[in-house]
């Protein structure tokens, strides 16, 4: 397959703005750093081996038994990175850092199998390169109203845990409140007035091994006149997504760069679709990439000064799953 003609987000802004103003439908993908962006019609996307699906409500069906094995970083290796991040938090450089890792996996499923048969709100397949089945929205724009849905706070769904436990956990509360404040600040760059419509609602995510509860909030605002229909300019003002970086964003990204020691690539970037009237987009998490003929699942979680390293390590591993 030919190499996809990526450009930077800076280069994409003007064209995406123009198509938005014209009401011309398009789809797009953008990596974590805004260095690789592709946008165009859905028909063009298919010619480059890019498939996107939004708000999938189909009943997932995997033909035959699923083999899925993960080989996460050791707890000792994780602790080194965790303490590196905690040092930045204790210095006051950041209040919240989203720390992520690549986890090698083995499965009898191809990337295309996973794309076709998982259930998720946002699904992406770049042929022979990566697959995403994400539960997390980024922004939704309709009638000049912008909505954001920061997702932060995860708990295994089992007989010992209850969804209400997320609402009384000090660490999860601090993490979620920090992200809501950050996203509200981000949205204020393009919209006014701003409001938190729903705070800390919990949804259940089904996986092939163990279900999870995840906590989200809904923030909305009215787009300022000079941002209306200018989707490229809006994305440039908001990216990267606050839920997968932390706060404050710039200083936190420096901590991430030093601690993680690997290239996120499209992981924690975004995908989206403008249908001529409304824009929908999702965060590229629940992410599997093919690297040197081997599969790697990228996952992570938010670290605060209240974080328990054993719980954070467990969450990292719990997020390596197939959505069913």
Protein backbone atom coordinates (compact mmCIF):
# COMPACT_ATOMS: atom_id res chain seq x y z
CA UNK A 1 0.00 0.00 0.00
CA UNK A 2 1.15 3.53 -0.82
CA UNK A 3 2.27 5.76 2.03
CA UNK A 4 -0.53 7.97 3.32
CA UNK A 5 0.19 11.64 2.48
CA UNK A 6 0.21 13.07 5.99
CA UNK A 7 0.63 16.78 6.68
CA UNK A 8 0.93 18.68 9.97
CA UNK A 9 -2.04 20.10 11.84
CA UNK A 10 -0.73 23.61 11.09
CA UNK A 11 -0.83 22.80 7.37
CA UNK A 12 -4.30 21.23 7.61
CA UNK A 13 -6.06 24.10 9.43
CA UNK A 14 -6.85 26.33 6.44
CA UNK A 15 -8.29 23.54 4.30
CA UNK A 16 -10.39 22.07 7.11
CA UNK A 17 -11.70 25.55 7.92
CA UNK A 18 -12.68 26.07 4.29
CA UNK A 19 -14.51 22.76 4.00
CA UNK A 20 -16.33 23.51 7.24
CA UNK A 21 -17.44 26.92 6.00
CA UNK A 22 -18.62 25.32 2.74
CA UNK A 23 -20.49 22.57 4.57
CA UNK A 24 -18.43 19.98 2.69
CA UNK A 25 -18.26 16.62 4.52
CA UNK A 26 -14.90 15.12 5.48
CA UNK A 27 -13.20 12.71 7.88
CA UNK A 28 -9.84 13.14 9.60
CA UNK A 29 -7.20 11.55 11.81
CA UNK A 30 -4.54 13.38 13.82
CA UNK A 31 -1.65 12.01 15.87
CA UNK A 32 -0.81 12.94 19.47
CA UNK A 33 1.60 15.75 18.59
CA UNK A 34 -0.27 17.12 15.57
CA UNK A 35 2.63 16.15 13.31
CA UNK A 36 0.63 13.74 11.15
CA UNK A 37 -2.85 14.66 9.93
CA UNK A 38 -4.90 13.21 7.11
CA UNK A 39 -8.26 14.62 6.10
CA UNK A 40 -10.52 14.22 3.07
CA UNK A 41 -13.70 12.50 1.94
CA UNK A 42 -14.64 9.05 3.23
CA UNK A 43 -14.17 7.71 -0.30
CA UNK A 44 -10.62 9.10 -0.39
CA UNK A 45 -9.93 7.61 3.03
CA UNK A 46 -10.79 4.14 1.76
CA UNK A 47 -8.33 4.47 -1.14
CA UNK A 48 -5.56 5.01 1.45
CA UNK A 49 -6.65 2.05 3.57
CA UNK A 50 -8.25 4.22 6.28
CA UNK A 51 -11.60 3.03 7.70
CA UNK A 52 -13.56 4.93 10.35
CA UNK A 53 -16.77 4.08 12.17
CA UNK A 54 -18.74 6.19 14.61
CA UNK A 55 -21.31 5.25 17.29
CA UNK A 56 -21.23 1.55 16.50
CA UNK A 57 -24.23 -0.19 18.04
CA UNK A 58 -23.85 -3.55 16.34
CA UNK A 59 -23.77 -6.65 18.51
CA UNK A 60 -20.12 -7.78 18.52
CA UNK A 61 -19.45 -11.22 17.12
CA UNK A 62 -16.12 -12.99 17.10
CA UNK A 63 -16.15 -16.13 14.95
CA UNK A 64 -14.49 -18.87 16.97
CA UNK A 65 -12.58 -18.68 20.26
CA UNK A 66 -10.46 -15.61 21.07
CA UNK A 67 -6.83 -15.97 22.01
CA UNK A 68 -5.56 -12.75 23.63
CA UNK A 69 -2.40 -12.67 25.75
CA UNK A 70 -0.61 -9.61 27.14
CA UNK A 71 2.98 -9.15 28.30
CA UNK A 72 3.05 -5.92 30.33
CA UNK A 73 6.06 -4.06 31.68
CA UNK A 74 7.18 -5.43 35.06
CA UNK A 75 6.04 -3.70 38.22
CA UNK A 76 9.66 -2.81 39.04
CA UNK A 77 10.10 -1.11 35.66
CA UNK A 78 6.75 0.64 36.09
CA UNK A 79 7.81 1.98 39.50
CA UNK A 80 10.84 3.74 38.00
CA UNK A 81 8.59 5.69 35.59
CA UNK A 82 5.94 6.23 38.27
CA UNK A 83 8.43 7.81 40.70
CA UNK A 84 9.84 9.95 37.90
CA UNK A 85 6.36 11.35 37.30
CA UNK A 86 5.67 11.72 41.02
CA UNK A 87 8.84 13.82 41.39
CA UNK A 88 7.41 16.30 38.86
CA UNK A 89 4.07 16.31 40.65
CA UNK A 90 5.68 16.96 44.03
CA UNK A 91 7.75 19.82 42.57
CA UNK A 92 4.48 21.38 41.45
CA UNK A 93 5.32 21.12 37.74
CA UNK A 94 2.00 19.34 37.17
CA UNK A 95 -1.18 18.38 39.01
CA UNK A 96 -1.98 15.35 36.84
CA UNK A 97 0.12 13.33 34.38
CA UNK A 98 -1.29 10.73 32.01
CA UNK A 99 1.45 8.09 31.97
CA UNK A 100 1.27 5.45 29.23
CA UNK A 101 3.16 2.33 28.13
CA UNK A 102 3.29 -0.06 25.17
CA UNK A 103 2.32 -3.66 26.03
CA UNK A 104 3.21 -6.48 23.60
CA UNK A 105 0.23 -8.76 22.91
CA UNK A 106 -0.43 -11.99 21.05
CA UNK A 107 -3.79 -12.81 19.48
CA UNK A 108 -5.27 -15.04 16.81
CA UNK A 109 -7.16 -12.01 15.45
CA UNK A 110 -5.94 -9.70 12.70
CA UNK A 111 -6.21 -5.91 12.96
CA UNK A 112 -9.13 -6.10 10.53
CA UNK A 113 -10.84 -8.81 12.63
CA UNK A 114 -10.62 -6.54 15.68
CA UNK A 115 -11.95 -3.56 13.72
CA UNK A 116 -14.89 -5.53 12.33
CA UNK A 117 -15.94 -7.32 15.49
CA UNK A 118 -15.28 -5.04 18.49
CA UNK A 119 -17.97 -2.73 19.80
CA UNK A 120 -17.02 0.91 20.41
CA UNK A 121 -18.21 4.47 19.85
CA UNK A 122 -15.14 5.30 17.75
CA UNK A 123 -13.38 2.75 15.56
CA UNK A 124 -10.40 3.28 13.26
CA UNK A 125 -8.42 0.93 11.05
CA UNK A 126 -5.31 1.94 9.13
CA UNK A 127 -4.68 -1.16 7.09
CA UNK A 128 -1.74 -3.28 8.27
CA UNK A 129 -0.75 -0.53 10.74
CA UNK A 130 -3.17 -0.01 13.62
CA UNK A 131 -6.67 -0.45 14.98
CA UNK A 132 -8.61 1.59 17.57
CA UNK A 133 -11.86 0.79 19.42
CA UNK A 134 -12.29 3.81 21.67
CA UNK A 135 -15.06 4.61 24.16
CA UNK A 136 -13.96 8.24 24.62
CA UNK A 137 -15.47 11.20 22.74
CA UNK A 138 -13.36 14.30 22.13
CA UNK A 139 -15.66 17.09 20.92
CA UNK A 140 -19.09 17.25 19.28
CA UNK A 141 -20.21 20.39 17.45
CA UNK A 142 -23.77 21.01 16.29
CA UNK A 143 -25.64 24.29 15.70
CA UNK A 144 -22.54 26.20 16.87
CA UNK A 145 -22.65 24.43 20.25
CA UNK A 146 -19.49 22.57 21.27
CA UNK A 147 -19.52 19.71 23.75
CA UNK A 148 -16.57 17.89 25.35
CA UNK A 149 -16.73 14.65 27.33
CA UNK A 150 -13.58 14.19 29.44
CA UNK A 151 -13.25 10.59 30.61
CA UNK A 152 -11.10 10.05 33.69
CA UNK A 153 -11.56 7.46 36.41
CA UNK A 154 -11.58 3.67 35.92
CA UNK A 155 -12.60 0.78 38.16
CA UNK A 156 -12.96 -2.94 37.54
CA UNK A 157 -16.59 -4.07 37.59
CA UNK A 158 -16.80 -7.04 39.96
CA UNK A 159 -18.55 -8.22 43.13
CA UNK A 160 -16.10 -6.27 45.33
CA UNK A 161 -16.46 -2.93 43.55
CA UNK A 162 -19.43 -0.65 42.96
CA UNK A 163 -19.62 2.28 40.52
CA UNK A 164 -20.22 4.61 43.47
CA UNK A 165 -16.70 3.76 44.67
CA UNK A 166 -15.37 6.06 41.94
CA UNK A 167 -17.33 8.93 43.49
CA UNK A 168 -15.74 8.53 46.94
CA UNK A 169 -12.16 7.72 45.96
CA UNK A 170 -9.98 10.78 46.73
CA UNK A 171 -7.50 10.07 43.95
CA UNK A 172 -10.19 9.49 41.29
CA UNK A 173 -12.04 12.61 42.45
CA UNK A 174 -8.93 14.77 42.23
CA UNK A 175 -8.00 13.34 38.84
CA UNK A 176 -11.45 13.90 37.37
CA UNK A 177 -11.86 17.40 38.81
CA UNK A 178 -8.47 18.41 37.39
CA UNK A 179 -9.36 17.21 33.90
CA UNK A 180 -12.79 18.86 33.96
CA UNK A 181 -11.14 22.15 34.92
CA UNK A 182 -8.53 21.75 32.17
CA UNK A 183 -11.09 20.92 29.46
CA UNK A 184 -13.31 23.78 30.58
CA UNK A 185 -10.32 26.10 30.21
CA UNK A 186 -9.51 24.63 26.76
CA UNK A 187 -13.09 25.06 25.54
CA UNK A 188 -13.05 28.70 26.72
CA UNK A 189 -10.50 29.40 23.97
CA UNK A 190 -13.16 28.87 21.31
CA UNK A 191 -16.51 29.26 23.09
CA UNK A 192 -18.42 31.45 25.54
CA UNK A 193 -20.28 31.01 27.84
CA UNK A 194 -19.15 27.61 29.23
CA UNK A 195 -21.06 25.24 31.49
CA UNK A 196 -20.62 21.79 33.01
CA UNK A 197 -23.90 20.12 32.01
CA UNK A 198 -23.24 16.75 33.68
CA UNK A 199 -20.59 16.02 36.28
CA UNK A 200 -19.20 12.56 37.00
CA UNK A 201 -21.55 10.19 35.24
CA UNK A 202 -20.47 6.55 35.06
CA UNK A 203 -20.72 4.11 32.15
CA UNK A 204 -19.90 0.41 31.96
CA UNK A 205 -17.48 -0.83 29.28
CA UNK A 206 -17.65 -4.50 28.32
CA UNK A 207 -14.37 -6.29 27.58
CA UNK A 208 -13.40 -9.81 26.59
CA UNK A 209 -12.10 -10.53 30.09
CA UNK A 210 -13.48 -8.09 32.69
CA UNK A 211 -15.93 -5.18 32.51
CA UNK A 212 -14.88 -1.69 33.61
CA UNK A 213 -16.65 1.36 34.99
CA UNK A 214 -15.48 4.67 33.57
CA UNK A 215 -16.33 8.17 34.82
CA UNK A 216 -17.01 11.12 32.50
CA UNK A 217 -18.42 14.65 32.54
CA UNK A 218 -20.09 16.82 29.90
CA UNK A 219 -18.88 20.38 29.26
CA UNK A 220 -20.49 22.66 26.67
CA UNK A 221 -20.30 26.17 25.27
CA UNK A 222 -21.43 28.43 22.43
CA UNK A 223 -18.76 28.86 19.75
CA UNK A 224 -17.47 32.41 19.38
CA UNK A 225 -18.45 33.92 15.98
CA UNK A 226 -14.89 33.80 14.56
CA UNK A 227 -14.64 30.04 15.27
CA UNK A 228 -18.01 28.99 13.87
CA UNK A 229 -17.58 26.24 11.21
CA UNK A 230 -13.77 26.63 11.37
CA UNK A 231 -13.01 23.11 12.50
CA UNK A 232 -9.30 23.21 11.75
CA UNK A 233 -8.82 26.31 13.90
CA UNK A 234 -10.89 24.76 16.70
CA UNK A 235 -8.79 21.57 16.71
CA UNK A 236 -5.54 23.57 16.71
CA UNK A 237 -6.76 25.52 19.76
CA UNK A 238 -7.77 22.39 21.71
CA UNK A 239 -5.20 19.71 20.88
CA UNK A 240 -3.70 17.60 22.26
CA UNK A 241 -6.65 16.33 24.27
CA UNK A 242 -6.38 17.25 27.95
CA UNK A 243 -7.66 13.89 29.15
CA UNK A 244 -4.59 12.12 27.75
CA UNK A 245 -1.98 14.72 28.77
CA UNK A 246 -2.75 16.35 32.11
CA UNK A 247 -2.57 19.80 33.67
CA UNK A 248 -1.05 22.24 33.07
CA UNK A 249 -0.75 20.89 29.56
CA UNK A 250 2.63 22.20 28.34
CA UNK A 251 4.64 21.36 31.49
CA UNK A 252 2.90 17.99 31.77
CA UNK A 253 3.78 17.07 28.19
CA UNK A 254 7.45 17.69 29.03
CA UNK A 255 7.18 15.26 31.96
CA UNK A 256 5.47 12.72 29.67
CA UNK A 257 8.19 13.06 27.04
CA UNK A 258 10.96 12.33 29.56
CA UNK A 259 9.19 9.56 31.47
CA UNK A 260 7.58 7.50 28.73
CA UNK A 261 10.60 7.12 26.46
CA UNK A 262 8.64 5.91 23.42
CA UNK A 263 6.70 7.43 20.53
CA UNK A 264 2.95 7.56 21.11
CA UNK A 265 2.33 8.17 17.40
CA UNK A 266 -1.40 8.13 16.69
CA UNK A 267 -2.12 6.75 20.17
CA UNK A 268 -3.97 9.47 22.14
CA UNK A 269 -4.53 11.46 18.97
CA UNK A 270 -8.05 11.95 17.60
CA UNK A 271 -10.32 10.87 14.75
CA UNK A 272 -13.38 12.70 13.49
CA UNK A 273 -16.11 13.23 10.94
CA UNK A 274 -17.94 16.31 9.65
CA UNK A 275 -21.17 15.22 7.95
CA UNK A 276 -21.96 18.65 6.49
CA UNK A 277 -23.91 19.72 9.57
CA UNK A 278 -22.31 18.29 12.72
CA UNK A 279 -18.77 17.33 13.75
CA UNK A 280 -18.08 14.20 15.81
CA UNK A 281 -14.68 13.15 17.14
CA UNK A 282 -13.12 10.62 19.48
CA UNK A 283 -9.83 10.12 21.32
CA UNK A 284 -7.58 7.36 19.98
CA UNK A 285 -7.34 5.11 23.03
CA UNK A 286 -7.83 1.31 23.23
CA UNK A 287 -5.14 1.18 20.59
CA UNK A 288 -3.27 -1.71 18.93
CA UNK A 289 -0.37 -1.06 16.55
CA UNK A 290 1.62 -3.43 14.38
CA UNK A 291 5.35 -2.76 14.82
CA UNK A 292 7.90 -4.98 13.06
CA UNK A 293 5.25 -7.66 12.45
CA UNK A 294 4.37 -7.74 16.17
CA UNK A 295 1.34 -6.25 17.93
CA UNK A 296 1.61 -3.64 20.69
CA UNK A 297 -1.29 -2.36 22.80
CA UNK A 298 -0.77 1.16 24.15
CA UNK A 299 -2.53 2.08 27.40
CA UNK A 300 -2.12 4.23 30.51
CA UNK A 301 -3.77 6.25 33.24
CA UNK A 302 -3.70 9.49 35.18
CA UNK A 303 -1.16 9.90 37.99
CA UNK A 304 -1.63 12.37 40.86
CA UNK A 305 0.17 12.88 44.17
CA UNK A 306 -2.55 10.64 45.70
CA UNK A 307 -1.87 7.73 43.34
CA UNK A 308 -1.15 4.24 44.64
CA UNK A 309 1.44 2.69 42.27
CA UNK A 310 0.02 -0.83 42.63
CA UNK A 311 -3.49 0.35 41.69
CA UNK A 312 -2.14 2.40 38.78
CA UNK A 313 -0.12 -0.56 37.51
CA UNK A 314 -3.22 -2.77 37.70
CA UNK A 315 -5.29 -0.17 35.81
CA UNK A 316 -2.65 -0.02 33.07
CA UNK A 317 -2.99 -3.79 32.58
CA UNK A 318 -6.80 -3.79 32.90
CA UNK A 319 -7.03 -1.35 29.99
CA UNK A 320 -5.34 -3.87 27.67
CA UNK A 321 -8.48 -5.62 26.40
CA UNK A 322 -10.82 -6.26 23.49
CA UNK A 323 -14.20 -4.47 23.65
CA UNK A 324 -17.12 -6.86 23.19
